[in-house]
Amino acid sequence: MSAEPRVERDELIVLNRLVLLAAQDIIELGCGAARLARELLVRYPATRVTGLEVDAIQHARNLAAPAERLRFIAAGAQAIPLPDAQFDLALMLKSLHHVPQLIMDQALAEVHRVLRPGGHLYVSEPVFAGALNEITRLFNDEQAVRAAAQAALDRALATGAWAQVAERRFDMPAHFADFAAFERRMLDVTFAERHLDGELRERVRARFEPHMGPGGAHFQRPMHVRLLRKSG
């Protein structure tokens, strides 16, 4: 009988177990609101982070909330507007599957280019499973793109340009106070034009509501982490 997946509440702890974060030059591809990057800089004051984001609305919000040792660039992973060998560590946190499938290989090659020899790429991807997934797949079925992300990593490894040095699977808790909170975080996001009609929104609500309890709705999101090291 297989053991229950480990629950991790803080991905920075997971990350720091695999690769030290102190005094590093880090690039995050698809940083979103840079929540993890901002917390990382609080914990590791000698580290610097560059966050790339393609969503113009979110990028503008990031620029409006600057932080020391954190810079933002409007760009995608497939075309990083920076010189070679600039970073010790690259982060792709639930972002590789958002890269268009036809340019995933190009994106990973670009990440390889901007890493120093021996630098690491940390890829954290949600697994297409679990109760929360059964809700989100009603309006955003990511089965194919998540599989494509893993296949792209396999192809990158097959080139010999990378070596995989670690792999982890765990559950991360996700909490929503109510359906309105779920809508804000999962439906009405700036990086995707979902345009859900009333009928579909009600179907999503109907699948969400049975998970509500006195403290809101609690889920465990299964995650798959792969840590690659740049060869040479």
Protein backbone atom coordinates (compact mmCIF):
# COMPACT_ATOMS: atom_id res chain seq x y z
CA MET A 1 0.00 0.00 0.00
CA SER A 2 1.52 3.35 -1.06
CA ALA A 3 2.16 6.05 1.50
CA GLU A 4 0.07 9.20 1.60
CA PRO A 5 1.67 12.13 -0.26
CA ARG A 6 3.63 14.50 1.93
CA VAL A 7 1.91 17.83 2.57
CA GLU A 8 4.04 20.93 2.05
CA ARG A 9 2.70 24.33 3.05
CA ASP A 10 5.75 26.39 2.11
CA GLU A 11 7.39 25.80 -1.27
CA LEU A 12 10.38 27.93 -0.31
CA ILE A 13 11.28 25.26 2.24
CA VAL A 14 10.99 22.57 -0.44
CA LEU A 15 13.13 24.63 -2.79
CA ASN A 16 15.82 25.40 -0.21
CA ARG A 17 16.12 21.71 0.66
CA LEU A 18 17.07 21.02 -2.95
CA VAL A 19 19.23 24.05 -3.80
CA LEU A 20 20.53 26.71 -1.44
CA LEU A 21 18.87 30.10 -1.91
CA ALA A 22 21.27 32.34 0.00
CA ALA A 23 23.33 34.84 -2.03
CA GLN A 24 21.97 33.67 -5.39
CA ASP A 25 21.07 35.44 -8.62
CA ILE A 26 17.64 34.06 -9.50
CA ILE A 27 15.33 34.45 -12.48
CA GLU A 28 11.65 33.54 -12.24
CA LEU A 29 9.84 32.86 -15.51
CA GLY A 30 6.16 33.74 -15.31
CA CYS A 31 6.41 35.37 -11.90
CA GLY A 32 2.77 36.51 -11.64
CA ALA A 33 2.47 38.76 -8.60
CA ALA A 34 5.92 37.55 -7.45
CA ARG A 35 4.53 36.42 -4.09
CA LEU A 36 7.15 33.72 -3.61
CA ALA A 37 9.96 35.95 -4.90
CA ARG A 38 9.09 38.70 -2.44
CA GLU A 39 9.06 36.26 0.48
CA LEU A 40 12.31 34.71 -0.73
CA LEU A 41 14.05 38.10 -0.62
CA VAL A 42 12.84 38.68 2.94
CA ARG A 43 14.34 35.39 4.07
CA TYR A 44 17.54 35.64 2.02
CA PRO A 45 18.69 39.28 2.05
CA ALA A 46 21.80 38.68 -0.09
CA THR A 47 19.79 37.15 -2.95
CA ARG A 48 18.56 38.99 -6.07
CA VAL A 49 15.54 38.08 -8.21
CA THR A 50 14.54 39.04 -11.74
CA GLY A 51 10.89 38.32 -12.52
CA LEU A 52 9.62 37.90 -16.09
CA GLU A 53 5.90 38.23 -16.81
CA VAL A 54 3.93 38.29 -20.07
CA ASP A 55 0.64 39.53 -18.63
CA ALA A 56 0.76 43.31 -19.18
CA ILE A 57 -1.76 44.04 -16.42
CA GLN A 58 0.13 42.01 -13.83
CA HIS A 59 3.47 43.44 -14.99
CA ALA A 60 2.16 46.98 -14.45
CA ARG A 61 1.02 46.00 -10.96
CA ASN A 62 4.45 44.56 -10.22
CA LEU A 63 6.17 47.77 -11.32
CA ALA A 64 3.82 49.73 -9.06
CA ALA A 65 4.97 47.67 -6.06
CA PRO A 66 8.79 47.67 -6.25
CA ALA A 67 11.01 45.90 -3.77
CA GLU A 68 14.73 46.03 -3.08
CA ARG A 69 16.76 43.48 -5.08
CA LEU A 70 13.73 42.63 -7.22
CA ARG A 71 13.41 43.77 -10.81
CA PHE A 72 10.66 43.04 -13.32
CA ILE A 73 10.86 42.56 -17.08
CA ALA A 74 7.96 42.20 -19.51
CA ALA A 75 8.99 39.10 -21.44
CA GLY A 76 8.31 35.40 -21.92
CA ALA A 77 10.59 32.46 -21.23
CA GLN A 78 10.97 31.79 -24.95
CA ALA A 79 12.79 35.11 -25.53
CA ILE A 80 14.66 36.29 -22.44
CA PRO A 81 16.11 39.76 -23.16
CA LEU A 82 19.25 39.24 -21.09
CA PRO A 83 22.85 38.13 -21.76
CA ASP A 84 24.15 34.59 -21.38
CA ALA A 85 25.17 33.04 -18.06
CA GLN A 86 23.57 35.62 -15.75
CA PHE A 87 21.85 33.45 -13.12
CA ASP A 88 22.51 30.70 -10.60
CA LEU A 89 18.91 29.48 -10.45
CA ALA A 90 15.80 29.66 -12.63
CA LEU A 91 12.30 29.12 -11.26
CA MET A 92 9.24 28.01 -13.19
CA LEU A 93 6.45 27.82 -10.61
CA LYS A 94 3.29 26.44 -12.25
CA SER A 95 4.33 28.34 -15.39
CA LEU A 96 5.90 25.90 -17.85
CA HIS A 97 2.50 24.53 -18.90
CA HIS A 98 1.41 28.10 -19.74
CA VAL A 99 4.13 28.39 -22.38
CA PRO A 100 2.63 27.59 -25.81
CA GLN A 101 3.46 23.97 -26.61
CA LEU A 102 5.24 24.75 -29.87
CA ILE A 103 7.81 26.93 -28.09
CA MET A 104 8.33 24.99 -24.84
CA ASP A 105 11.62 23.57 -26.16
CA GLN A 106 12.73 27.07 -27.14
CA ALA A 107 11.84 28.37 -23.68
CA LEU A 108 13.90 25.68 -21.94
CA ALA A 109 16.82 26.40 -24.28
CA GLU A 110 16.59 30.08 -23.35
CA VAL A 111 16.61 29.25 -19.66
CA HIS A 112 19.66 27.08 -20.24
CA ARG A 113 21.36 29.99 -22.02
CA VAL A 114 20.93 32.51 -19.19
CA LEU A 115 22.07 30.10 -16.47
CA ARG A 116 25.69 29.88 -15.42
CA PRO A 117 27.41 26.49 -15.84
CA GLY A 118 26.15 24.24 -13.08
CA GLY A 119 23.11 26.47 -12.51
CA HIS A 120 19.76 24.92 -11.62
CA LEU A 121 16.25 25.00 -13.04
CA TYR A 122 13.46 24.31 -10.53
CA VAL A 123 10.18 23.38 -12.22
CA SER A 124 7.07 23.00 -10.05
CA GLU A 125 3.98 21.79 -11.92
CA PRO A 126 0.48 20.90 -10.70
CA VAL A 127 -0.56 17.31 -11.34
CA PHE A 128 -3.77 16.78 -13.30
CA ALA A 129 -5.60 15.13 -10.40
CA GLY A 130 -7.44 15.92 -7.19
CA ALA A 131 -10.72 17.49 -6.08
CA LEU A 132 -9.70 21.05 -6.98
CA ASN A 133 -8.73 19.87 -10.46
CA GLU A 134 -12.20 18.36 -10.93
CA ILE A 135 -13.60 21.88 -10.49
CA THR A 136 -11.09 23.82 -12.56
CA ARG A 137 -11.21 21.39 -15.49
CA LEU A 138 -14.80 22.51 -16.10
CA PHE A 139 -13.50 25.84 -17.42
CA ASN A 140 -9.77 25.21 -17.94
CA ASP A 141 -8.85 21.65 -18.86
CA GLU A 142 -5.05 21.54 -18.63
CA GLN A 143 -4.49 17.82 -19.02
CA ALA A 144 -2.78 18.13 -22.41
CA VAL A 145 -0.59 21.14 -21.57
CA ARG A 146 0.57 19.70 -18.26
CA ALA A 147 1.58 16.48 -20.01
CA ALA A 148 3.32 18.59 -22.68
CA ALA A 149 5.33 20.40 -20.00
CA GLN A 150 6.68 17.11 -18.62
CA ALA A 151 7.42 15.87 -22.14
CA ALA A 152 9.36 19.07 -22.86
CA LEU A 153 11.49 18.49 -19.76
CA ASP A 154 12.15 14.91 -20.91
CA ARG A 155 13.25 16.15 -24.33
CA ALA A 156 15.52 18.76 -22.74
CA LEU A 157 17.18 16.06 -20.65
CA ALA A 158 17.62 13.85 -23.71
CA THR A 159 19.79 16.52 -25.34
CA GLY A 160 22.45 16.10 -22.67
CA ALA A 161 22.37 19.82 -21.90
CA TRP A 162 20.74 19.12 -18.54
CA ALA A 163 20.95 16.54 -15.77
CA GLN A 164 18.05 15.87 -13.43
CA VAL A 165 19.29 15.96 -9.86
CA ALA A 166 16.06 15.70 -7.87
CA GLU A 167 12.36 14.94 -8.20
CA ARG A 168 9.67 15.41 -5.56
CA ARG A 169 5.92 14.90 -5.30
CA PHE A 170 3.79 16.45 -2.56
CA ASP A 171 0.43 18.05 -1.85
CA MET A 172 0.01 21.78 -1.29
CA PRO A 173 -3.04 23.07 0.61
CA ALA A 174 -5.35 25.50 -1.16
CA HIS A 175 -8.03 27.41 0.75
CA PHE A 176 -10.91 29.60 -0.43
CA ALA A 177 -13.06 31.49 2.04
CA ASP A 178 -16.07 31.19 -0.26
CA PHE A 179 -17.01 30.92 -3.94
CA ALA A 180 -16.38 34.65 -4.46
CA ALA A 181 -12.76 34.09 -3.39
CA PHE A 182 -12.51 31.17 -5.80
CA GLU A 183 -13.85 33.36 -8.60
CA ARG A 184 -11.26 36.07 -7.94
CA ARG A 185 -8.30 33.70 -7.85
CA MET A 186 -9.29 31.09 -10.40
CA LEU A 187 -11.90 32.49 -12.78
CA ASP A 188 -11.54 36.24 -13.14
CA VAL A 189 -7.78 36.41 -13.68
CA THR A 190 -6.01 38.96 -15.86
CA PHE A 191 -3.79 36.49 -17.73
CA ALA A 192 -6.69 34.51 -19.22
CA GLU A 193 -9.84 35.71 -20.93
CA ARG A 194 -12.21 33.00 -19.81
CA HIS A 195 -15.54 34.76 -20.50
CA LEU A 196 -17.58 32.12 -18.66
CA ASP A 197 -21.28 32.32 -19.42
CA GLY A 198 -23.77 32.22 -16.58
CA GLU A 199 -24.62 28.55 -17.06
CA LEU A 200 -21.00 27.38 -16.88
CA ARG A 201 -20.28 29.60 -13.88
CA GLU A 202 -23.22 28.01 -12.07
CA ARG A 203 -21.91 24.52 -12.94
CA VAL A 204 -18.58 25.49 -11.40
CA ARG A 205 -20.34 26.85 -8.33
CA ALA A 206 -22.37 23.64 -7.97
CA ARG A 207 -19.21 21.54 -7.99
CA PHE A 208 -17.42 23.91 -5.58
CA GLU A 209 -20.12 24.36 -2.93
CA PRO A 210 -20.07 20.76 -1.53
CA HIS A 211 -16.49 21.43 -0.39
CA MET A 212 -17.53 24.40 1.74
CA GLY A 213 -17.37 24.06 5.51
CA PRO A 214 -17.39 26.45 8.47
CA GLY A 215 -13.87 27.64 7.60
CA GLY A 216 -14.32 27.74 3.84
CA ALA A 217 -13.27 25.19 1.22
CA HIS A 218 -10.01 23.30 1.72
CA PHE A 219 -8.20 21.33 -0.98
CA GLN A 220 -4.91 19.51 -1.44
CA ARG A 221 -3.28 20.25 -4.79
CA PRO A 222 -0.84 17.50 -5.91
CA MET A 223 2.46 18.90 -7.17
CA HIS A 224 5.38 17.48 -9.15
CA VAL A 225 8.81 19.13 -8.81
CA ARG A 226 11.84 18.42 -11.01
CA LEU A 227 15.23 20.01 -10.41
CA LEU A 228 17.59 20.14 -13.38
CA ARG A 229 21.22 21.22 -13.46
CA LYS A 230 22.87 22.81 -16.48
CA SER A 231 25.58 20.48 -17.73
CA GLY A 232 29.10 21.80 -18.05
